[in-house]
Amino acid sequence: MTWLRCADRALLRGARRGRALLGRPPDVNLDRRLVQAVQAGAVVAVRSPFAGVVVSAIVWTAGWARARSAHQREVDQLVSEVPDLIELFRLATAAGLTVHLAVAAVAARSRGVLGAALTEVPARVAVGERLADALDRFAGSGEPVRPLGAALAAAERYGDPLVPNLERLSIEGRMLRRRHAEEAARRLPVQLLFPLVLCVLPAFVLLAVAPLLLAAMPHLPR
C-alpha cells in the first residue's frame, strides 16, 4: 500500500506541474480525477493496452459526469435559496437596520448553504475583518450569490442605496429560479428515458411479447 500512496502523490505532483506549465489555475478535484483515470487504465493496460485506454476514458468520463452533476445541484440550490435571502434583507432594511445589523439578523435566521456562508460574515467581522471585505468573501460563494454580495458590500463601502438594488435583485432572483425550475422540468423526460429503456421495455417484452412468441412457435412452418 505504501508504493500505491507514493505513486498517487507522484501523479498528483505531475498533474499540478503540468497545470502550472500550461498556465491553468489549480484544481485539486480535477487533478484527482485525472490520477484516478490514469491509475485505473494502468492496472488494465498490463493485460491489454487498448483496454487500458478505454478504462481510463470511462473512469474520466464518469468522474467528469459526477462532478458536473454535483456542480449543477449546488447551483440549483443556490438559485433556490437566493430569492428568500434577498427578501429577508429587504425586510431588515425596511425596518431601518444598517447593513451590519441586517447581516447579523438575517444570518441568525437563515438556513441551508447560504445560511452557513452568511454566518461566517459576522464571525469574520468579530475577529477584526472589515464588513465589506467579509461580504466580498460571501459573494464568492457562487455566481447566483454574487449580485447580492456585491450590493451589500457596495452599500457598506460606498453608501450606495440598498433598498432599490434589493428590489431589483428580488425580481431577477425569482425569475432566475423560475427559469431553472422550467429547465429542470424540460430535462425530466430525457432523464426518464434511461430507466424506461433499461427497465420498463425489457419487462414489457418478457411479459407481453415473449408468451405470444412461445405460443406461436409450435405452429410455425419448419
C-alpha atoms as a PDB file:
ATOM      1  CA  MET A   1       0.000   0.000   0.000  1.00  0.00           C
ATOM      2  CA  THR A   2       2.949   2.325   0.594  1.00  0.00           C
ATOM      3  CA  TRP A   3       4.051   2.251  -3.021  1.00  0.00           C
ATOM      4  CA  LEU A   4       0.478   2.964  -4.124  1.00  0.00           C
ATOM      5  CA  ARG A   5       0.360   6.087  -1.975  1.00  0.00           C
ATOM      6  CA  CYS A   6       3.745   7.172  -3.306  1.00  0.00           C
ATOM      7  CA  ALA A   7       2.569   6.669  -6.886  1.00  0.00           C
ATOM      8  CA  ASP A   8      -0.598   8.612  -6.121  1.00  0.00           C
ATOM      9  CA  ARG A   9       1.375  11.548  -4.738  1.00  0.00           C
ATOM     10  CA  ALA A  10       3.784  11.476  -7.674  1.00  0.00           C
ATOM     11  CA  LEU A  11       0.922  11.573 -10.151  1.00  0.00           C
ATOM     12  CA  LEU A  12      -0.732  14.448  -8.267  1.00  0.00           C
ATOM     13  CA  ARG A  13       2.527  16.413  -8.299  1.00  0.00           C
ATOM     14  CA  GLY A  14       2.887  15.744 -12.013  1.00  0.00           C
ATOM     15  CA  ALA A  15      -0.667  16.913 -12.665  1.00  0.00           C
ATOM     16  CA  ARG A  16      -0.090  20.119 -10.691  1.00  0.00           C
ATOM     17  CA  ARG A  17       3.168  20.824 -12.521  1.00  0.00           C
ATOM     18  CA  GLY A  18       1.543  20.205 -15.884  1.00  0.00           C
ATOM     19  CA  ARG A  19      -1.269  22.585 -14.975  1.00  0.00           C
ATOM     20  CA  ALA A  20       1.252  25.208 -13.875  1.00  0.00           C
ATOM     21  CA  LEU A  21       3.216  24.863 -17.133  1.00  0.00           C
ATOM     22  CA  LEU A  22       0.011  25.348 -19.123  1.00  0.00           C
ATOM     23  CA  GLY A  23      -0.886  28.407 -17.092  1.00  0.00           C
ATOM     24  CA  ARG A  24      -4.072  26.865 -15.721  1.00  0.00           C
ATOM     25  CA  PRO A  25      -5.404  27.670 -12.236  1.00  0.00           C
ATOM     26  CA  PRO A  26      -5.060  24.938  -9.579  1.00  0.00           C
ATOM     27  CA  ASP A  27      -7.932  22.446  -9.362  1.00  0.00           C
ATOM     28  CA  VAL A  28      -7.471  19.661  -6.821  1.00  0.00           C
ATOM     29  CA  ASN A  29     -10.637  17.798  -7.809  1.00  0.00           C
ATOM     30  CA  LEU A  30      -9.707  17.770 -11.487  1.00  0.00           C
ATOM     31  CA  ASP A  31      -6.195  16.549 -10.699  1.00  0.00           C
ATOM     32  CA  ARG A  32      -7.649  13.799  -8.505  1.00  0.00           C
ATOM     33  CA  ARG A  33      -9.974  12.613 -11.295  1.00  0.00           C
ATOM     34  CA  LEU A  34      -7.061  12.581 -13.736  1.00  0.00           C
ATOM     35  CA  VAL A  35      -4.953  10.498 -11.347  1.00  0.00           C
ATOM     36  CA  GLN A  36      -7.801   8.018 -10.804  1.00  0.00           C
ATOM     37  CA  ALA A  37      -8.279   7.612 -14.559  1.00  0.00           C
ATOM     38  CA  VAL A  38      -4.548   7.058 -15.126  1.00  0.00           C
ATOM     39  CA  GLN A  39      -4.302   4.528 -12.287  1.00  0.00           C
ATOM     40  CA  ALA A  40      -7.343   2.558 -13.467  1.00  0.00           C
ATOM     41  CA  GLY A  41      -6.029   2.486 -17.017  1.00  0.00           C
ATOM     42  CA  ALA A  42      -2.545   1.451 -15.906  1.00  0.00           C
ATOM     43  CA  VAL A  43      -3.899  -1.549 -13.981  1.00  0.00           C
ATOM     44  CA  VAL A  44      -5.809  -2.814 -17.017  1.00  0.00           C
ATOM     45  CA  ALA A  45      -3.063  -1.889 -19.505  1.00  0.00           C
ATOM     46  CA  VAL A  46      -0.857  -4.618 -18.037  1.00  0.00           C
ATOM     47  CA  ARG A  47      -3.071  -7.138 -19.842  1.00  0.00           C
ATOM     48  CA  SER A  48      -4.299  -5.031 -22.757  1.00  0.00           C
ATOM     49  CA  PRO A  49      -3.077  -1.510 -23.666  1.00  0.00           C
ATOM     50  CA  PHE A  50      -6.225  -0.806 -25.691  1.00  0.00           C
ATOM     51  CA  ALA A  51      -8.448  -1.872 -22.790  1.00  0.00           C
ATOM     52  CA  GLY A  52      -6.401   0.371 -20.502  1.00  0.00           C
ATOM     53  CA  VAL A  53      -7.106   3.379 -22.693  1.00  0.00           C
ATOM     54  CA  VAL A  54     -10.805   2.513 -22.766  1.00  0.00           C
ATOM     55  CA  VAL A  55     -10.962   2.090 -18.977  1.00  0.00           C
ATOM     56  CA  SER A  56      -9.140   5.395 -18.454  1.00  0.00           C
ATOM     57  CA  ALA A  57     -11.626   7.141 -20.716  1.00  0.00           C
ATOM     58  CA  ILE A  58     -14.584   5.545 -18.908  1.00  0.00           C
ATOM     59  CA  VAL A  59     -13.262   6.476 -15.452  1.00  0.00           C
ATOM     60  CA  TRP A  60     -12.508  10.035 -16.578  1.00  0.00           C
ATOM     61  CA  THR A  61     -15.954  10.445 -18.151  1.00  0.00           C
ATOM     62  CA  ALA A  62     -17.694   9.037 -15.082  1.00  0.00           C
ATOM     63  CA  GLY A  63     -15.760  11.369 -12.779  1.00  0.00           C
ATOM     64  CA  TRP A  64     -16.500  14.348 -15.004  1.00  0.00           C
ATOM     65  CA  ALA A  65     -20.207  13.456 -15.058  1.00  0.00           C
ATOM     66  CA  ARG A  66     -20.313  13.171 -11.261  1.00  0.00           C
ATOM     67  CA  ALA A  67     -18.512  16.494 -10.826  1.00  0.00           C
ATOM     68  CA  ARG A  68     -20.808  18.213 -13.320  1.00  0.00           C
ATOM     69  CA  SER A  69     -23.889  16.787 -11.617  1.00  0.00           C
ATOM     70  CA  ALA A  70     -22.653  17.898  -8.187  1.00  0.00           C
ATOM     71  CA  HIS A  71     -21.903  21.391  -9.502  1.00  0.00           C
ATOM     72  CA  GLN A  72     -25.341  21.608 -11.087  1.00  0.00           C
ATOM     73  CA  ARG A  73     -27.009  20.561  -7.824  1.00  0.00           C
ATOM     74  CA  GLU A  74     -25.024  23.208  -5.951  1.00  0.00           C
ATOM     75  CA  VAL A  75     -26.023  25.920  -8.433  1.00  0.00           C
ATOM     76  CA  ASP A  76     -29.666  24.846  -8.311  1.00  0.00           C
ATOM     77  CA  GLN A  77     -29.654  25.000  -4.515  1.00  0.00           C
ATOM     78  CA  LEU A  78     -28.109  28.476  -4.528  1.00  0.00           C
ATOM     79  CA  VAL A  79     -30.607  29.705  -7.106  1.00  0.00           C
ATOM     80  CA  SER A  80     -33.420  28.322  -4.955  1.00  0.00           C
ATOM     81  CA  GLU A  81     -32.160  29.979  -1.751  1.00  0.00           C
ATOM     82  CA  VAL A  82     -31.094  33.407  -3.043  1.00  0.00           C
ATOM     83  CA  PRO A  83     -34.589  34.957  -3.538  1.00  0.00           C
ATOM     84  CA  ASP A  84     -35.626  34.053   0.016  1.00  0.00           C
ATOM     85  CA  LEU A  85     -32.406  35.531   1.384  1.00  0.00           C
ATOM     86  CA  ILE A  86     -32.976  38.743  -0.570  1.00  0.00           C
ATOM     87  CA  GLU A  87     -36.485  39.011   0.869  1.00  0.00           C
ATOM     88  CA  LEU A  88     -35.063  38.714   4.385  1.00  0.00           C
ATOM     89  CA  PHE A  89     -32.634  41.536   3.653  1.00  0.00           C
ATOM     90  CA  ARG A  90     -35.497  43.634   2.240  1.00  0.00           C
ATOM     91  CA  LEU A  91     -37.456  43.164   5.452  1.00  0.00           C
ATOM     92  CA  ALA A  92     -34.410  44.005   7.565  1.00  0.00           C
ATOM     93  CA  THR A  93     -33.543  47.181   5.666  1.00  0.00           C
ATOM     94  CA  ALA A  94     -37.195  48.254   5.540  1.00  0.00           C
ATOM     95  CA  ALA A  95     -37.208  48.021   9.346  1.00  0.00           C
ATOM     96  CA  GLY A  96     -34.369  50.560   9.435  1.00  0.00           C
ATOM     97  CA  LEU A  97     -31.444  48.255  10.149  1.00  0.00           C
ATOM     98  CA  THR A  98     -27.984  49.131   8.887  1.00  0.00           C
ATOM     99  CA  VAL A  99     -26.040  46.707   6.711  1.00  0.00           C
ATOM    100  CA  HIS A 100     -24.121  45.434   9.732  1.00  0.00           C
ATOM    101  CA  LEU A 101     -27.260  44.818  11.791  1.00  0.00           C
ATOM    102  CA  ALA A 102     -29.142  43.402   8.786  1.00  0.00           C
ATOM    103  CA  VAL A 103     -26.391  40.871   8.096  1.00  0.00           C
ATOM    104  CA  ALA A 104     -26.394  39.763  11.745  1.00  0.00           C
ATOM    105  CA  ALA A 105     -30.197  39.474  11.855  1.00  0.00           C
ATOM    106  CA  VAL A 106     -30.511  37.601   8.545  1.00  0.00           C
ATOM    107  CA  ALA A 107     -27.591  35.282   9.348  1.00  0.00           C
ATOM    108  CA  ALA A 108     -29.287  34.243  12.595  1.00  0.00           C
ATOM    109  CA  ARG A 109     -32.463  33.263  10.721  1.00  0.00           C
ATOM    110  CA  SER A 110     -31.086  31.759   7.502  1.00  0.00           C
ATOM    111  CA  ARG A 111     -30.752  28.062   6.771  1.00  0.00           C
ATOM    112  CA  GLY A 112     -29.167  25.962   4.068  1.00  0.00           C
ATOM    113  CA  VAL A 113     -25.920  26.563   2.222  1.00  0.00           C
ATOM    114  CA  LEU A 114     -26.307  30.340   2.105  1.00  0.00           C
ATOM    115  CA  GLY A 115     -27.206  30.478   5.773  1.00  0.00           C
ATOM    116  CA  ALA A 116     -23.932  28.753   6.651  1.00  0.00           C
ATOM    117  CA  ALA A 117     -21.953  31.055   4.332  1.00  0.00           C
ATOM    118  CA  LEU A 118     -23.643  34.189   5.697  1.00  0.00           C
ATOM    119  CA  THR A 119     -22.985  33.124   9.292  1.00  0.00           C
ATOM    120  CA  GLU A 120     -19.266  33.365   8.567  1.00  0.00           C
ATOM    121  CA  VAL A 121     -19.586  37.106   7.848  1.00  0.00           C
ATOM    122  CA  PRO A 122     -20.289  38.215  11.471  1.00  0.00           C
ATOM    123  CA  ALA A 123     -17.671  35.718  12.648  1.00  0.00           C
ATOM    124  CA  ARG A 124     -15.036  37.309  10.397  1.00  0.00           C
ATOM    125  CA  VAL A 125     -16.050  40.795  11.487  1.00  0.00           C
ATOM    126  CA  ALA A 126     -15.756  39.733  15.126  1.00  0.00           C
ATOM    127  CA  VAL A 127     -12.055  38.868  14.615  1.00  0.00           C
ATOM    128  CA  GLY A 128     -11.270  42.240  13.009  1.00  0.00           C
ATOM    129  CA  GLU A 129     -12.073  41.866   9.299  1.00  0.00           C
ATOM    130  CA  ARG A 130     -13.916  44.727   7.622  1.00  0.00           C
ATOM    131  CA  LEU A 131     -17.580  44.037   6.911  1.00  0.00           C
ATOM    132  CA  ALA A 132     -17.239  44.956   3.228  1.00  0.00           C
ATOM    133  CA  ASP A 133     -14.338  42.522   2.794  1.00  0.00           C
ATOM    134  CA  ALA A 134     -16.278  39.769   4.560  1.00  0.00           C
ATOM    135  CA  LEU A 135     -19.236  40.435   2.244  1.00  0.00           C
ATOM    136  CA  ASP A 136     -16.897  40.149  -0.746  1.00  0.00           C
ATOM    137  CA  ARG A 137     -15.960  36.680   0.509  1.00  0.00           C
ATOM    138  CA  PHE A 138     -19.656  35.870   0.869  1.00  0.00           C
ATOM    139  CA  ALA A 139     -20.217  36.983  -2.733  1.00  0.00           C
ATOM    140  CA  GLY A 140     -17.663  34.370  -3.784  1.00  0.00           C
ATOM    141  CA  SER A 141     -19.908  31.545  -2.542  1.00  0.00           C
ATOM    142  CA  GLY A 142     -21.283  31.135  -6.066  1.00  0.00           C
ATOM    143  CA  GLU A 143     -22.347  33.040  -9.151  1.00  0.00           C
ATOM    144  CA  PRO A 144     -26.032  33.305  -8.081  1.00  0.00           C
ATOM    145  CA  VAL A 145     -24.932  34.963  -4.812  1.00  0.00           C
ATOM    146  CA  ARG A 146     -22.536  37.449  -6.387  1.00  0.00           C
ATOM    147  CA  PRO A 147     -25.073  40.263  -7.134  1.00  0.00           C
ATOM    148  CA  LEU A 148     -26.441  40.209  -3.589  1.00  0.00           C
ATOM    149  CA  GLY A 149     -22.994  40.180  -2.001  1.00  0.00           C
ATOM    150  CA  ALA A 150     -21.834  42.986  -4.303  1.00  0.00           C
ATOM    151  CA  ALA A 151     -24.891  45.127  -3.443  1.00  0.00           C
ATOM    152  CA  LEU A 152     -24.368  44.663   0.299  1.00  0.00           C
ATOM    153  CA  ALA A 153     -20.632  45.373   0.043  1.00  0.00           C
ATOM    154  CA  ALA A 154     -21.242  48.499  -2.067  1.00  0.00           C
ATOM    155  CA  ALA A 155     -23.810  49.772   0.433  1.00  0.00           C
ATOM    156  CA  GLU A 156     -21.362  49.277   3.282  1.00  0.00           C
ATOM    157  CA  ARG A 157     -18.254  50.527   1.478  1.00  0.00           C
ATOM    158  CA  TYR A 158     -19.615  53.427  -0.626  1.00  0.00           C
ATOM    159  CA  GLY A 159     -23.026  54.119   0.874  1.00  0.00           C
ATOM    160  CA  ASP A 160     -24.938  53.047  -2.249  1.00  0.00           C
ATOM    161  CA  PRO A 161     -28.729  52.883  -1.823  1.00  0.00           C
ATOM    162  CA  LEU A 162     -29.568  49.322  -0.845  1.00  0.00           C
ATOM    163  CA  VAL A 163     -33.366  49.151  -0.995  1.00  0.00           C
ATOM    164  CA  PRO A 164     -33.711  49.792  -4.782  1.00  0.00           C
ATOM    165  CA  ASN A 165     -30.960  47.282  -5.512  1.00  0.00           C
ATOM    166  CA  LEU A 166     -32.626  44.655  -3.316  1.00  0.00           C
ATOM    167  CA  GLU A 167     -35.962  45.199  -5.066  1.00  0.00           C
ATOM    168  CA  ARG A 168     -34.317  44.713  -8.450  1.00  0.00           C
ATOM    169  CA  LEU A 169     -32.371  41.663  -7.272  1.00  0.00           C
ATOM    170  CA  SER A 170     -35.537  40.165  -5.786  1.00  0.00           C
ATOM    171  CA  ILE A 171     -37.298  40.309  -9.152  1.00  0.00           C
ATOM    172  CA  GLU A 172     -34.272  38.937 -11.002  1.00  0.00           C
ATOM    173  CA  GLY A 173     -33.778  36.164  -8.418  1.00  0.00           C
ATOM    174  CA  ARG A 174     -37.377  34.971  -8.669  1.00  0.00           C
ATOM    175  CA  MET A 175     -37.202  34.997 -12.470  1.00  0.00           C
ATOM    176  CA  LEU A 176     -33.937  33.023 -12.399  1.00  0.00           C
ATOM    177  CA  ARG A 177     -35.432  30.478 -10.003  1.00  0.00           C
ATOM    178  CA  ARG A 178     -38.445  30.058 -12.299  1.00  0.00           C
ATOM    179  CA  ARG A 179     -36.202  29.551 -15.345  1.00  0.00           C
ATOM    180  CA  HIS A 180     -34.188  26.898 -13.506  1.00  0.00           C
ATOM    181  CA  ALA A 181     -37.401  25.125 -12.487  1.00  0.00           C
ATOM    182  CA  GLU A 182     -38.616  25.170 -16.103  1.00  0.00           C
ATOM    183  CA  GLU A 183     -35.266  23.813 -17.324  1.00  0.00           C
ATOM    184  CA  ALA A 184     -35.421  21.011 -14.739  1.00  0.00           C
ATOM    185  CA  ALA A 185     -38.930  20.147 -15.909  1.00  0.00           C
ATOM    186  CA  ARG A 186     -37.734  20.001 -19.518  1.00  0.00           C
ATOM    187  CA  ARG A 187     -34.830  17.719 -18.568  1.00  0.00           C
ATOM    188  CA  LEU A 188     -37.089  15.273 -16.754  1.00  0.00           C
ATOM    189  CA  PRO A 189     -38.385  13.397 -19.855  1.00  0.00           C
ATOM    190  CA  VAL A 190     -34.824  12.885 -21.071  1.00  0.00           C
ATOM    191  CA  GLN A 191     -33.753  11.590 -17.658  1.00  0.00           C
ATOM    192  CA  LEU A 192     -36.685   9.171 -17.616  1.00  0.00           C
ATOM    193  CA  LEU A 193     -35.546   7.571 -20.887  1.00  0.00           C
ATOM    194  CA  PHE A 194     -32.773   5.641 -19.128  1.00  0.00           C
ATOM    195  CA  PRO A 195     -34.994   3.685 -16.679  1.00  0.00           C
ATOM    196  CA  LEU A 196     -37.670   3.369 -19.370  1.00  0.00           C
ATOM    197  CA  VAL A 197     -35.341   1.732 -21.885  1.00  0.00           C
ATOM    198  CA  LEU A 198     -33.433  -0.462 -19.411  1.00  0.00           C
ATOM    199  CA  CYS A 199     -36.239  -1.483 -17.049  1.00  0.00           C
ATOM    200  CA  VAL A 200     -39.746  -0.963 -18.415  1.00  0.00           C
ATOM    201  CA  LEU A 201     -39.286  -2.047 -22.023  1.00  0.00           C
ATOM    202  CA  PRO A 202     -37.463  -5.350 -21.245  1.00  0.00           C
ATOM    203  CA  ALA A 203     -40.138  -6.220 -18.690  1.00  0.00           C
ATOM    204  CA  PHE A 204     -42.856  -5.442 -21.231  1.00  0.00           C
ATOM    205  CA  VAL A 205     -41.190  -7.684 -23.818  1.00  0.00           C
ATOM    206  CA  LEU A 206     -40.859 -10.556 -21.345  1.00  0.00           C
ATOM    207  CA  LEU A 207     -44.430 -10.300 -20.071  1.00  0.00           C
ATOM    208  CA  ALA A 208     -46.313  -9.462 -23.266  1.00  0.00           C
ATOM    209  CA  VAL A 209     -44.303 -10.358 -26.365  1.00  0.00           C
ATOM    210  CA  ALA A 210     -42.379 -13.437 -25.192  1.00  0.00           C
ATOM    211  CA  PRO A 211     -45.505 -15.514 -24.276  1.00  0.00           C
ATOM    212  CA  LEU A 212     -47.038 -14.803 -27.679  1.00  0.00           C
ATOM    213  CA  LEU A 213     -43.876 -15.888 -29.426  1.00  0.00           C
ATOM    214  CA  LEU A 214     -43.614 -19.054 -27.340  1.00  0.00           C
ATOM    215  CA  ALA A 215     -47.261 -19.908 -28.045  1.00  0.00           C
ATOM    216  CA  ALA A 216     -46.815 -19.352 -31.779  1.00  0.00           C
ATOM    217  CA  MET A 217     -43.596 -21.375 -32.132  1.00  0.00           C
ATOM    218  CA  PRO A 218     -45.309 -24.848 -32.416  1.00  0.00           C
ATOM    219  CA  HIS A 219     -47.434 -23.549 -35.312  1.00  0.00           C
ATOM    220  CA  LEU A 220     -44.565 -22.096 -37.298  1.00  0.00           C
ATOM    221  CA  PRO A 221     -43.646 -23.982 -40.500  1.00  0.00           C
ATOM    222  CA  ARG A 222     -40.478 -25.983 -40.306  1.00  0.00           C
END
